[in-house]
Amino acid sequence: MDIKQRIENYRHDSINFMRDLIRIPGISCQERDVALRILREMKHLGFEHSWIDDYGNVIGKIGNGPIKLLFDSHIDTVDVGNLENWGFDPYDGKVEDGYIYGRGASDNHNGTVAQVFGAALFKEIGDLLDQFTIYVVGTVQEEDCDGLGLRYILEHSIGSVDYVCLGEATDMKVFRGHRGRMEISVTAKGVSCHGSAPLRGENAVYRMMPLISDIEKLNKKLKPDKFLGKGTCVVTHVSCETPSLCAVPDLCKIHIDRRLSNGEDKTLAVLQIEELASFDPKNMKVEILHYDAPSYQGKVLETEKYYPTWVLPEDHPLVKAGVDAASKVLGKKVTTSKWVFSTNGIASMGQLGIPTIGFGPASEVSAHSTDDKIKISDMINAIEFYAKLPESILKFHSTTVKKEAAFSF
């Protein structure tokens, strides 16, 4: 039986698996039922070992060879928001016109299905089981804190690996990097007084307003990168504290989403804000935010909300292997590109230096949208990609020096 026939045997079950995942709500920190469903599928497909670690990540293992390859897709989703904005039930898993619709279809259940069934197909073929140890992982809390779950797996649950392939949406291309990001707050202090006599105080909101304008203008000054493009800086939330709605606010806080291109890091990003003409060092403070939400298992991994930029060179053996496998599956030369959003690659490549690429059967445009969907034929082709990637890796395999970790939990 050739590989195409084998994949067809998986079509019905893979579609049902995808629909099941969509039907189980699993926003960050609430992924337990999703993890259990994935674990059940791994056991049904004959993974040699499958388990849930103490942080809540689900992990499956196939093979016991010297080359360690990890497939990662996060299992949490964003919430659905206002249901009136949807043209269909986001938790139904509707199948129509060759697509499956629902929350998480494109971000990131599409990757989970392709990787779980791709690894099972790799085992069924069996030719390279003595060459590879393959881990398929479903990581938690990625939507809240990129890389946190994957880093825990790589440092505690299984240890380091040679290569990582992410199942995030790539529209069937091979992606090899993306901009970093960080979450920054700026707090401005004021002096409160009665609202009937505002000149007696110092309005913290008014003090912040010129800085907000300067932050918007900062985007024009950021340097571009040929591959990643420019970084960005945007105020996404404004709040204030006041003793009363009839009192002048004595504190104003803004939240900044900062995307980081090549050559930009957290030190530079903070300095760029502090050097703005409207920044008042006597009354303003810049901080990098921290994440400490417990997983559904109750475990807390506190970390700074700084997610470094990463790029794997186009001539790297893993990139070549990804292009080779994808081109064979699709019958055409596949191109490489990068994500606009951020992924768990900030941990595997950005922090730990493990060569990382991505391949996913969905488009970034569908992610977090009310048109969340996955094309079934692409999902089936992605299963074949993950089954064939190990063979392509053998063609280009070389030792990769791994960077020292930038920090540890």
Protein backbone atom coordinates (compact mmCIF):
# COMPACT_ATOMS: atom_id res chain seq x y z
CA MET A 1 0.00 0.00 0.00
CA ASP A 2 1.50 3.37 -1.00
CA ILE A 3 1.49 6.43 1.25
CA LYS A 4 -1.44 8.11 -0.51
CA GLN A 5 -3.64 5.09 0.13
CA ARG A 6 -2.53 4.97 3.76
CA ILE A 7 -3.41 8.63 4.23
CA GLU A 8 -6.87 8.08 2.77
CA ASN A 9 -7.40 5.50 5.50
CA TYR A 10 -6.87 8.33 7.99
CA ARG A 11 -9.17 10.87 6.30
CA HIS A 12 -12.38 10.06 8.15
CA ASP A 13 -10.75 9.78 11.57
CA SER A 14 -8.66 12.93 11.15
CA ILE A 15 -11.72 14.99 10.19
CA ASN A 16 -13.64 13.66 13.19
CA PHE A 17 -10.65 14.38 15.44
CA MET A 18 -10.51 17.98 14.22
CA ARG A 19 -14.24 18.44 14.79
CA ASP A 20 -13.95 16.99 18.29
CA LEU A 21 -11.18 19.44 19.19
CA ILE A 22 -13.23 22.37 17.93
CA ARG A 23 -16.21 21.24 20.02
CA ILE A 24 -14.20 21.37 23.25
CA PRO A 25 -13.70 24.94 24.52
CA GLY A 26 -10.08 25.34 25.62
CA ILE A 27 -8.96 28.89 26.19
CA SER A 28 -5.61 29.40 27.92
CA CYS A 29 -5.43 27.85 31.41
CA GLN A 30 -8.56 25.76 30.69
CA GLU A 31 -7.23 23.14 28.26
CA ARG A 32 -7.68 19.98 30.36
CA ASP A 33 -10.46 18.40 28.27
CA VAL A 34 -8.65 19.20 25.02
CA ALA A 35 -5.48 17.56 26.34
CA LEU A 36 -7.41 14.45 27.39
CA ARG A 37 -9.00 14.17 23.94
CA ILE A 38 -5.59 14.39 22.25
CA LEU A 39 -4.16 11.84 24.68
CA ARG A 40 -6.97 9.44 23.83
CA GLU A 41 -6.25 9.81 20.10
CA MET A 42 -2.53 9.17 20.61
CA LYS A 43 -3.27 5.98 22.52
CA HIS A 44 -5.78 4.87 19.88
CA LEU A 45 -3.20 5.41 17.11
CA GLY A 46 -0.60 3.31 18.92
CA PHE A 47 1.90 5.88 20.15
CA GLU A 48 4.53 4.00 22.12
CA HIS A 49 4.19 6.34 25.07
CA SER A 50 1.79 9.22 25.70
CA TRP A 51 1.20 11.29 28.80
CA ILE A 52 0.32 14.69 30.27
CA ASP A 53 3.13 16.41 32.15
CA ASP A 54 2.74 18.25 35.43
CA TYR A 55 2.25 21.59 33.66
CA GLY A 56 -0.59 20.24 31.50
CA ASN A 57 1.13 19.71 28.15
CA VAL A 58 0.19 16.52 26.31
CA ILE A 59 3.14 14.52 24.91
CA GLY A 60 3.35 11.51 22.61
CA LYS A 61 6.47 9.54 21.67
CA ILE A 62 7.23 7.32 18.67
CA GLY A 63 10.55 5.60 17.90
CA ASN A 64 13.78 5.40 19.85
CA GLY A 65 16.39 6.55 17.35
CA PRO A 66 19.31 8.96 17.82
CA ILE A 67 17.79 11.94 15.96
CA LYS A 68 15.27 13.69 18.19
CA LEU A 69 12.54 15.54 16.33
CA LEU A 70 9.70 17.42 18.04
CA PHE A 71 6.38 18.43 16.47
CA ASP A 72 4.61 21.18 18.41
CA SER A 73 1.16 22.73 18.19
CA HIS A 74 -0.47 24.63 21.03
CA ILE A 75 -3.84 23.33 22.19
CA ASP A 76 -5.32 26.50 23.70
CA THR A 77 -7.41 28.97 21.71
CA VAL A 78 -8.57 32.53 22.15
CA ASP A 79 -12.16 33.03 23.23
CA VAL A 80 -14.97 33.48 20.70
CA GLY A 81 -16.05 36.99 21.74
CA ASN A 82 -19.51 38.15 20.76
CA LEU A 83 -21.39 35.17 19.28
CA GLU A 84 -23.52 37.54 17.20
CA ASN A 85 -20.44 38.29 15.09
CA TRP A 86 -20.22 34.67 13.93
CA GLY A 87 -22.06 33.30 10.92
CA PHE A 88 -21.96 29.80 12.42
CA ASP A 89 -21.58 28.10 15.80
CA PRO A 90 -17.84 28.38 16.60
CA TYR A 91 -18.01 25.20 18.69
CA ASP A 92 -19.86 22.99 16.20
CA GLY A 93 -17.10 21.99 13.78
CA LYS A 94 -19.18 22.65 10.70
CA VAL A 95 -18.05 20.93 7.48
CA GLU A 96 -18.93 22.77 4.28
CA ASP A 97 -17.44 23.16 0.79
CA GLY A 98 -14.26 21.28 1.66
CA TYR A 99 -13.56 23.24 4.88
CA ILE A 100 -13.95 22.63 8.60
CA TYR A 101 -15.09 25.73 10.51
CA GLY A 102 -14.81 26.65 14.17
CA ARG A 103 -12.70 28.25 16.86
CA GLY A 104 -9.20 26.82 16.74
CA ALA A 105 -9.53 25.35 13.25
CA SER A 106 -6.68 27.51 12.00
CA ASP A 107 -4.98 28.32 15.30
CA ASN A 108 -3.88 25.72 16.19
CA HIS A 109 -5.92 22.51 16.08
CA ASN A 110 -4.98 22.20 12.41
CA GLY A 111 -1.38 21.55 13.47
CA THR A 112 -2.34 19.09 16.18
CA VAL A 113 -4.34 16.92 13.79
CA ALA A 114 -1.64 16.95 11.09
CA GLN A 115 1.14 16.14 13.54
CA VAL A 116 -0.64 13.42 15.51
CA PHE A 117 -1.74 11.57 12.37
CA GLY A 118 1.52 12.35 10.55
CA ALA A 119 3.54 10.73 13.33
CA ALA A 120 1.17 7.74 13.36
CA LEU A 121 1.65 7.37 9.59
CA PHE A 122 5.43 7.58 10.05
CA LYS A 123 5.20 4.71 12.53
CA GLU A 124 2.94 2.69 10.25
CA ILE A 125 5.43 2.99 7.37
CA GLY A 126 8.15 2.01 9.84
CA ASP A 127 11.25 2.41 7.65
CA LEU A 128 13.03 4.95 9.86
CA LEU A 129 11.87 4.07 13.35
CA ASP A 130 15.42 3.11 14.32
CA GLN A 131 16.73 6.52 13.17
CA PHE A 132 14.32 8.90 14.92
CA THR A 133 12.70 9.61 18.24
CA ILE A 134 9.65 11.72 17.45
CA TYR A 135 7.78 13.69 20.08
CA VAL A 136 4.38 15.15 19.28
CA VAL A 137 3.44 17.76 21.85
CA GLY A 138 0.33 19.81 22.47
CA THR A 139 1.39 22.82 24.50
CA VAL A 140 -0.76 24.90 26.82
CA GLN A 141 -1.08 28.66 27.39
CA GLU A 142 0.57 29.77 24.14
CA GLU A 143 -2.10 32.36 23.49
CA ASP A 144 -1.36 33.89 26.90
CA CYS A 145 2.41 33.44 26.96
CA ASP A 146 4.25 32.25 23.83
CA GLY A 147 6.79 29.51 24.39
CA LEU A 148 6.12 28.90 28.08
CA GLY A 149 4.72 25.39 27.71
CA LEU A 150 7.20 24.31 25.05
CA ARG A 151 10.17 25.57 27.02
CA TYR A 152 9.02 23.57 30.04
CA ILE A 153 8.82 20.43 27.89
CA LEU A 154 12.31 20.98 26.47
CA GLU A 155 13.90 21.71 29.83
CA HIS A 156 11.97 19.39 32.13
CA SER A 157 9.52 16.94 30.56
CA ILE A 158 11.63 15.35 27.79
CA GLY A 159 14.87 17.34 27.57
CA SER A 160 16.38 18.95 24.51
CA VAL A 161 15.90 17.75 20.93
CA ASP A 162 17.74 18.20 17.63
CA TYR A 163 14.94 19.81 15.62
CA VAL A 164 11.50 21.37 16.10
CA CYS A 165 8.69 21.82 13.59
CA LEU A 166 5.75 24.00 14.58
CA GLY A 167 2.25 23.35 13.27
CA GLU A 168 1.21 27.01 13.26
CA ALA A 169 -0.53 28.30 10.14
CA THR A 170 1.87 28.78 7.21
CA ASP A 171 -0.54 28.35 4.27
CA MET A 172 1.44 25.22 3.26
CA LYS A 173 4.77 27.08 3.04
CA VAL A 174 7.85 26.53 5.20
CA PHE A 175 8.28 29.34 7.71
CA ARG A 176 11.64 29.97 9.37
CA GLY A 177 11.20 32.84 11.80
CA HIS A 178 9.25 35.83 12.98
CA ARG A 179 9.58 39.08 14.86
CA GLY A 180 9.84 38.99 18.61
CA ARG A 181 7.44 40.75 20.89
CA MET A 182 7.17 42.17 24.37
CA GLU A 183 4.50 43.65 26.61
CA ILE A 184 5.34 46.99 28.21
CA SER A 185 3.48 49.22 30.62
CA VAL A 186 4.02 52.92 31.25
CA THR A 187 2.61 54.45 34.41
CA ALA A 188 2.18 58.20 34.84
CA LYS A 189 1.60 59.75 38.26
CA GLY A 190 -0.51 62.84 38.91
CA VAL A 191 -2.02 64.74 41.79
CA SER A 192 -5.68 64.27 42.56
CA CYS A 193 -8.07 67.02 43.51
CA HIS A 194 -11.77 67.82 43.31
CA GLY A 195 -13.11 67.76 39.76
CA SER A 196 -14.69 71.16 40.26
CA ALA A 197 -11.25 72.74 40.53
CA PRO A 198 -8.91 70.72 38.26
CA LEU A 199 -6.14 73.33 38.32
CA ARG A 200 -5.41 72.39 41.92
CA GLY A 201 -4.11 69.01 40.77
CA GLU A 202 -2.13 67.32 38.00
CA ASN A 203 -4.21 65.10 35.72
CA ALA A 204 -2.32 61.85 35.09
CA VAL A 205 -4.39 61.16 31.96
CA TYR A 206 -3.43 64.51 30.42
CA ARG A 207 0.20 63.85 31.35
CA MET A 208 0.06 60.57 29.45
CA MET A 209 -1.63 61.90 26.29
CA PRO A 210 1.46 63.43 24.62
CA LEU A 211 3.40 60.22 25.24
CA ILE A 212 0.70 58.16 23.53
CA SER A 213 1.00 60.40 20.49
CA ASP A 214 4.79 60.08 20.45
CA ILE A 215 4.56 56.29 20.71
CA GLU A 216 2.42 56.25 17.57
CA LYS A 217 5.01 58.41 15.78
CA LEU A 218 7.81 56.08 16.95
CA ASN A 219 6.69 53.51 14.34
CA LYS A 220 8.06 55.75 11.57
CA LYS A 221 11.53 55.70 13.15
CA LEU A 222 11.91 51.93 13.54
CA LYS A 223 14.47 50.34 11.23
CA PRO A 224 13.31 47.77 8.64
CA ASP A 225 14.77 44.30 8.16
CA LYS A 226 14.91 42.73 4.69
CA PHE A 227 13.33 39.45 5.82
CA LEU A 228 11.24 40.30 8.89
CA GLY A 229 10.21 43.84 8.00
CA LYS A 230 9.83 46.60 10.57
CA GLY A 231 9.00 46.29 14.22
CA THR A 232 5.85 47.97 15.50
CA CYS A 233 4.72 49.75 18.64
CA VAL A 234 1.06 50.25 19.57
CA VAL A 235 -0.86 51.29 22.68
CA THR A 236 -3.54 48.64 23.20
CA HIS A 237 -5.04 49.60 26.56
CA VAL A 238 -5.43 52.74 28.65
CA SER A 239 -6.65 52.87 32.25
CA CYS A 240 -6.62 55.33 35.12
CA GLU A 241 -7.12 55.45 38.86
CA THR A 242 -9.13 58.18 40.51
CA PRO A 243 -10.75 58.54 43.94
CA SER A 244 -14.05 59.43 42.29
CA LEU A 245 -15.63 60.24 38.96
CA CYS A 246 -15.71 63.75 40.38
CA ALA A 247 -11.95 63.78 41.04
CA VAL A 248 -8.86 64.33 38.91
CA PRO A 249 -7.07 60.98 38.20
CA ASP A 250 -3.79 60.57 40.05
CA LEU A 251 -2.54 57.61 37.98
CA CYS A 252 -2.74 56.59 34.32
CA LYS A 253 -1.38 53.36 32.84
CA ILE A 254 -0.98 52.26 29.23
CA HIS A 255 -0.22 48.84 27.79
CA ILE A 256 2.09 48.64 24.76
CA ASP A 257 2.37 45.77 22.27
CA ARG A 258 5.90 46.04 20.88
CA ARG A 259 6.97 43.82 17.96
CA LEU A 260 10.73 43.44 17.57
CA SER A 261 12.58 43.01 14.29
CA ASN A 262 16.18 41.86 13.80
CA GLY A 263 18.60 43.90 15.90
CA GLU A 264 15.93 44.99 18.38
CA ASP A 265 15.70 43.69 21.94
CA LYS A 266 14.01 44.58 25.21
CA THR A 267 16.73 47.02 26.29
CA LEU A 268 16.40 49.02 23.08
CA ALA A 269 12.59 48.98 23.19
CA VAL A 270 12.47 50.39 26.71
CA LEU A 271 15.13 52.99 25.93
CA GLN A 272 13.23 54.18 22.85
CA ILE A 273 10.23 55.04 25.03
CA GLU A 274 12.30 56.68 27.74
CA GLU A 275 14.01 58.88 25.13
CA LEU A 276 10.75 60.30 23.74
CA ALA A 277 10.43 64.03 24.30
CA SER A 278 7.15 63.61 26.17
CA PHE A 279 8.49 61.02 28.61
CA ASP A 280 8.75 62.54 32.08
CA PRO A 281 11.20 60.46 34.13
CA LYS A 282 10.14 62.17 37.37
CA ASN A 283 6.51 61.13 36.99
CA MET A 284 6.59 58.17 34.59
CA LYS A 285 7.85 54.60 34.85
CA VAL A 286 8.39 51.97 32.13
CA GLU A 287 8.09 48.27 33.03
CA ILE A 288 8.24 44.95 31.17
CA LEU A 289 5.25 42.92 32.32
CA HIS A 290 5.39 39.44 33.89
CA TYR A 291 3.20 36.36 33.44
CA ASP A 292 2.27 34.16 36.39
CA ALA A 293 -1.11 32.59 35.60
CA PRO A 294 -1.37 28.99 36.87
CA SER A 295 -1.93 26.22 34.33
CA TYR A 296 -5.02 24.03 34.62
CA GLN A 297 -2.79 21.67 36.64
CA GLY A 298 -2.23 24.49 39.13
CA LYS A 299 1.46 24.93 38.29
CA VAL A 300 2.88 28.45 37.99
CA LEU A 301 5.83 29.33 35.76
CA GLU A 302 6.53 33.02 36.22
CA THR A 303 8.31 34.65 33.31
CA GLU A 304 9.03 38.06 31.83
CA LYS A 305 6.76 38.88 28.90
CA TYR A 306 9.65 39.29 26.49
CA TYR A 307 9.69 36.94 23.51
CA PRO A 308 12.85 37.28 21.40
CA THR A 309 13.12 37.58 17.63
CA TRP A 310 14.39 34.51 15.80
CA VAL A 311 15.31 33.55 12.25
CA LEU A 312 16.72 30.27 10.94
CA PRO A 313 18.92 30.85 7.85
CA GLU A 314 17.45 29.76 4.53
CA ASP A 315 20.41 27.45 3.88
CA HIS A 316 20.05 25.64 7.22
CA PRO A 317 19.66 21.84 6.85
CA LEU A 318 16.28 21.87 8.60
CA VAL A 319 14.91 24.54 6.25
CA LYS A 320 16.16 22.54 3.27
CA ALA A 321 14.54 19.40 4.68
CA GLY A 322 11.23 21.18 5.20
CA VAL A 323 11.21 22.54 1.67
CA ASP A 324 12.16 19.11 0.31
CA ALA A 325 9.33 17.33 2.14
CA ALA A 326 6.71 19.97 1.36
CA SER A 327 7.69 20.13 -2.32
CA LYS A 328 7.35 16.35 -2.66
CA VAL A 329 3.93 16.35 -1.01
CA LEU A 330 2.54 19.25 -3.02
CA GLY A 331 4.25 18.43 -6.30
CA LYS A 332 5.74 21.90 -6.70
CA LYS A 333 8.60 23.98 -5.35
CA VAL A 334 7.57 25.35 -1.96
CA THR A 335 8.76 28.78 -0.82
CA THR A 336 9.93 29.92 2.60
CA SER A 337 8.60 32.87 4.54
CA LYS A 338 7.87 34.10 8.08
CA TRP A 339 4.95 34.60 10.43
CA VAL A 340 3.50 38.03 11.14
CA PHE A 341 2.41 36.88 14.59
CA SER A 342 4.48 35.18 17.31
CA THR A 343 4.78 31.44 18.05
CA ASN A 344 6.33 28.93 20.45
CA GLY A 345 9.46 29.25 18.32
CA ILE A 346 10.51 32.07 20.62
CA ALA A 347 11.34 29.32 23.13
CA SER A 348 12.76 26.53 20.95
CA MET A 349 14.85 28.78 18.68
CA GLY A 350 14.78 32.22 20.26
CA GLN A 351 15.70 31.16 23.79
CA LEU A 352 17.15 27.65 23.50
CA GLY A 353 18.79 27.80 20.06
CA ILE A 354 17.15 24.62 18.74
CA PRO A 355 16.70 24.77 14.93
CA THR A 356 13.01 25.40 14.28
CA ILE A 357 10.72 25.69 11.28
CA GLY A 358 6.97 25.70 10.80
CA PHE A 359 4.50 24.06 8.46
CA GLY A 360 0.75 24.31 8.90
CA PRO A 361 -2.35 23.76 6.77
CA ALA A 362 -4.08 27.07 7.39
CA SER A 363 -3.70 30.80 6.82
CA GLU A 364 -2.74 33.39 9.44
CA VAL A 365 -5.64 35.48 8.14
CA SER A 366 -8.12 32.98 9.61
CA ALA A 367 -6.51 32.98 13.07
CA HIS A 368 -8.55 34.65 15.84
CA SER A 369 -11.19 35.60 13.27
CA THR A 370 -14.89 34.82 12.97
CA ASP A 371 -14.05 32.95 9.76
CA ASP A 372 -11.83 30.44 11.55
CA LYS A 373 -11.42 27.50 9.16
CA ILE A 374 -9.16 24.83 7.72
CA LYS A 375 -9.18 23.38 4.20
CA ILE A 376 -9.56 19.62 4.48
CA SER A 377 -7.33 18.80 1.50
CA ASP A 378 -4.53 20.90 3.01
CA MET A 379 -4.92 19.14 6.34
CA ILE A 380 -4.58 15.76 4.62
CA ASN A 381 -1.48 16.93 2.72
CA ALA A 382 0.01 18.20 5.99
CA ILE A 383 -0.36 14.72 7.47
CA GLU A 384 1.80 13.43 4.63
CA PHE A 385 4.33 16.24 5.20
CA TYR A 386 4.84 15.25 8.83
CA ALA A 387 5.18 11.60 7.88
CA LYS A 388 7.82 12.46 5.26
CA LEU A 389 9.79 15.16 7.12
CA PRO A 390 12.08 12.67 8.93
CA GLU A 391 13.18 11.14 5.61
CA SER A 392 14.02 14.60 4.26
CA ILE A 393 15.89 15.49 7.45
CA LEU A 394 18.15 12.48 6.92
CA LYS A 395 19.19 13.95 3.56
CA PHE A 396 20.42 17.19 5.14
CA HIS A 397 21.09 16.21 8.76
CA SER A 398 24.09 17.85 10.43
CA THR A 399 25.11 18.70 13.94
CA THR A 400 23.71 21.99 15.13
CA VAL A 401 25.34 23.81 18.04
CA LYS A 402 22.67 24.83 20.50
CA LYS A 403 22.86 28.18 22.21
CA GLU A 404 22.91 28.46 25.96
CA ALA A 405 19.52 29.22 27.47
CA ALA A 406 18.97 32.89 28.19
CA PHE A 407 17.17 32.13 31.46
CA SER A 408 15.62 29.25 33.35
CA PHE A 409 12.44 28.78 35.27
